[in-house]
Amino acid sequence: MSQPAYFVFQATINDVEGMKPYQQRVHGTLQAYRGTVVVAGGAVESREGAAPQGKIFIVRFDSMADARAWYDSPDYQAIIGYRLAAAECIAFLLEGVAL
């Protein structure tokens, strides 16, 4: 059994209209790579240290290979420019624990 992987995005959207093409298309890019959105910008409550700025999004994949393949895919690369132009982002990939 492979370990799951999680792409974590912290985004502060500076251009709401400019972000719309990304938001409208990103979910469609996930299916082929078995990506599932598990956190989509909900409330953040800090318990230790500073709370992250902006919104947090977490996408679960079955493996690191699936997560990398999605991020590098032509479909995702075709829309990533919208996000990069419209928001300040931090994005990273985490390897999870197989349960």
C-alpha atoms as a PDB file:
ATOM      1  CA  MET A   1       0.000   0.000   0.000  1.00  0.00           C
ATOM      2  CA  SER A   2       1.457   3.386  -1.003  1.00  0.00           C
ATOM      3  CA  GLN A   3       1.427   6.352   1.278  1.00  0.00           C
ATOM      4  CA  PRO A   4      -0.992   9.175   0.465  1.00  0.00           C
ATOM      5  CA  ALA A   5       0.296  12.616  -0.407  1.00  0.00           C
ATOM      6  CA  TYR A   6      -1.122  16.065   0.197  1.00  0.00           C
ATOM      7  CA  PHE A   7      -0.628  19.249  -1.771  1.00  0.00           C
ATOM      8  CA  VAL A   8      -1.055  22.198   0.576  1.00  0.00           C
ATOM      9  CA  PHE A   9      -1.710  25.682  -0.787  1.00  0.00           C
ATOM     10  CA  GLN A  10      -1.782  28.885   1.228  1.00  0.00           C
ATOM     11  CA  ALA A  11      -3.247  31.593  -0.981  1.00  0.00           C
ATOM     12  CA  THR A  12      -3.929  35.277  -0.554  1.00  0.00           C
ATOM     13  CA  ILE A  13      -6.047  36.259  -3.536  1.00  0.00           C
ATOM     14  CA  ASN A  14      -5.260  39.754  -4.808  1.00  0.00           C
ATOM     15  CA  ASP A  15      -7.325  39.649  -8.013  1.00  0.00           C
ATOM     16  CA  VAL A  16     -10.679  37.896  -7.549  1.00  0.00           C
ATOM     17  CA  GLU A  17     -11.666  38.205 -11.216  1.00  0.00           C
ATOM     18  CA  GLY A  18      -8.256  37.026 -12.403  1.00  0.00           C
ATOM     19  CA  MET A  19      -8.534  33.935 -10.207  1.00  0.00           C
ATOM     20  CA  LYS A  20     -11.899  32.818 -11.625  1.00  0.00           C
ATOM     21  CA  PRO A  21     -10.544  30.885 -14.656  1.00  0.00           C
ATOM     22  CA  TYR A  22      -8.335  28.844 -12.310  1.00  0.00           C
ATOM     23  CA  GLN A  23     -11.143  28.190  -9.853  1.00  0.00           C
ATOM     24  CA  GLN A  24     -13.504  27.123 -12.633  1.00  0.00           C
ATOM     25  CA  ARG A  25     -11.061  24.593 -14.112  1.00  0.00           C
ATOM     26  CA  VAL A  26      -8.880  23.241 -11.295  1.00  0.00           C
ATOM     27  CA  HIS A  27     -11.316  20.560 -10.072  1.00  0.00           C
ATOM     28  CA  GLY A  28     -11.513  19.079 -13.563  1.00  0.00           C
ATOM     29  CA  THR A  29      -7.750  18.550 -13.574  1.00  0.00           C
ATOM     30  CA  LEU A  30      -7.796  16.413 -10.412  1.00  0.00           C
ATOM     31  CA  GLN A  31      -9.903  13.420 -11.498  1.00  0.00           C
ATOM     32  CA  ALA A  32      -7.325  11.736 -13.747  1.00  0.00           C
ATOM     33  CA  TYR A  33      -4.821  11.737 -10.854  1.00  0.00           C
ATOM     34  CA  ARG A  34      -7.263  10.639  -8.137  1.00  0.00           C
ATOM     35  CA  GLY A  35      -6.987  14.002  -6.386  1.00  0.00           C
ATOM     36  CA  THR A  36      -9.588  14.916  -3.781  1.00  0.00           C
ATOM     37  CA  VAL A  37     -10.013  18.327  -2.176  1.00  0.00           C
ATOM     38  CA  VAL A  38     -10.110  17.817   1.601  1.00  0.00           C
ATOM     39  CA  VAL A  39      -9.795  21.461   2.730  1.00  0.00           C
ATOM     40  CA  ALA A  40     -11.121  24.387   0.715  1.00  0.00           C
ATOM     41  CA  GLY A  41     -10.506  27.704   2.410  1.00  0.00           C
ATOM     42  CA  GLY A  42     -12.428  27.108   5.644  1.00  0.00           C
ATOM     43  CA  ALA A  43     -11.883  28.903   8.928  1.00  0.00           C
ATOM     44  CA  VAL A  44      -8.405  28.764  10.469  1.00  0.00           C
ATOM     45  CA  GLU A  45      -7.903  28.912  14.213  1.00  0.00           C
ATOM     46  CA  SER A  46      -4.331  29.255  15.412  1.00  0.00           C
ATOM     47  CA  ARG A  47      -3.403  27.517  18.653  1.00  0.00           C
ATOM     48  CA  GLU A  48       0.346  28.090  18.565  1.00  0.00           C
ATOM     49  CA  GLY A  49       2.193  30.709  16.564  1.00  0.00           C
ATOM     50  CA  ALA A  50       0.801  32.957  13.886  1.00  0.00           C
ATOM     51  CA  ALA A  51      -2.136  31.768  11.832  1.00  0.00           C
ATOM     52  CA  PRO A  52      -1.493  31.372   8.106  1.00  0.00           C
ATOM     53  CA  GLN A  53      -2.496  34.322   5.979  1.00  0.00           C
ATOM     54  CA  GLY A  54      -5.167  33.939   3.325  1.00  0.00           C
ATOM     55  CA  LYS A  55      -6.966  30.693   2.589  1.00  0.00           C
ATOM     56  CA  ILE A  56      -5.703  27.122   2.974  1.00  0.00           C
ATOM     57  CA  PHE A  57      -6.458  24.410   0.427  1.00  0.00           C
ATOM     58  CA  ILE A  58      -5.401  20.766   0.764  1.00  0.00           C
ATOM     59  CA  VAL A  59      -5.682  18.172  -1.990  1.00  0.00           C
ATOM     60  CA  ARG A  60      -5.184  14.465  -1.213  1.00  0.00           C
ATOM     61  CA  PHE A  61      -3.637  12.048  -3.704  1.00  0.00           C
ATOM     62  CA  ASP A  62      -3.042   8.307  -3.432  1.00  0.00           C
ATOM     63  CA  SER A  63       0.732   8.784  -3.723  1.00  0.00           C
ATOM     64  CA  MET A  64       3.516  11.315  -4.182  1.00  0.00           C
ATOM     65  CA  ALA A  65       3.815  10.118  -7.792  1.00  0.00           C
ATOM     66  CA  ASP A  66       0.132  10.928  -8.450  1.00  0.00           C
ATOM     67  CA  ALA A  67       0.512  14.372  -6.847  1.00  0.00           C
ATOM     68  CA  ARG A  68       3.603  15.192  -8.886  1.00  0.00           C
ATOM     69  CA  ALA A  69       1.976  13.903 -12.082  1.00  0.00           C
ATOM     70  CA  TRP A  70      -1.059  16.133 -11.499  1.00  0.00           C
ATOM     71  CA  TYR A  71       1.021  19.246 -10.788  1.00  0.00           C
ATOM     72  CA  ASP A  72       3.208  18.635 -13.855  1.00  0.00           C
ATOM     73  CA  SER A  73       0.301  17.652 -16.130  1.00  0.00           C
ATOM     74  CA  PRO A  74      -0.463  19.726 -19.232  1.00  0.00           C
ATOM     75  CA  ASP A  75      -4.006  20.363 -17.949  1.00  0.00           C
ATOM     76  CA  TYR A  76      -2.830  21.845 -14.647  1.00  0.00           C
ATOM     77  CA  GLN A  77       0.094  23.709 -16.167  1.00  0.00           C
ATOM     78  CA  ALA A  78      -2.371  25.324 -18.592  1.00  0.00           C
ATOM     79  CA  ILE A  79      -4.159  27.050 -15.684  1.00  0.00           C
ATOM     80  CA  ILE A  80      -1.487  27.570 -13.020  1.00  0.00           C
ATOM     81  CA  GLY A  81      -0.587  30.958 -14.505  1.00  0.00           C
ATOM     82  CA  TYR A  82      -3.983  32.315 -13.464  1.00  0.00           C
ATOM     83  CA  ARG A  83      -3.309  31.412  -9.831  1.00  0.00           C
ATOM     84  CA  LEU A  84       0.234  32.734  -9.879  1.00  0.00           C
ATOM     85  CA  ALA A  85      -0.878  36.038 -11.409  1.00  0.00           C
ATOM     86  CA  ALA A  86      -3.915  36.531  -9.162  1.00  0.00           C
ATOM     87  CA  ALA A  87      -2.653  35.360  -5.776  1.00  0.00           C
ATOM     88  CA  GLU A  88       0.343  35.189  -3.506  1.00  0.00           C
ATOM     89  CA  CYS A  89       0.824  31.496  -2.804  1.00  0.00           C
ATOM     90  CA  ILE A  90       2.893  29.051  -0.887  1.00  0.00           C
ATOM     91  CA  ALA A  91       2.488  25.490  -2.152  1.00  0.00           C
ATOM     92  CA  PHE A  92       4.117  22.326  -0.908  1.00  0.00           C
ATOM     93  CA  LEU A  93       3.747  18.571  -1.131  1.00  0.00           C
ATOM     94  CA  LEU A  94       3.603  16.380   1.987  1.00  0.00           C
ATOM     95  CA  GLU A  95       3.917  12.640   2.179  1.00  0.00           C
ATOM     96  CA  GLY A  96       1.210  11.192   4.404  1.00  0.00           C
ATOM     97  CA  VAL A  97       0.967   8.043   6.489  1.00  0.00           C
ATOM     98  CA  ALA A  98      -0.552   4.844   5.152  1.00  0.00           C
ATOM     99  CA  LEU A  99      -3.285   3.757   7.567  1.00  0.00           C
END
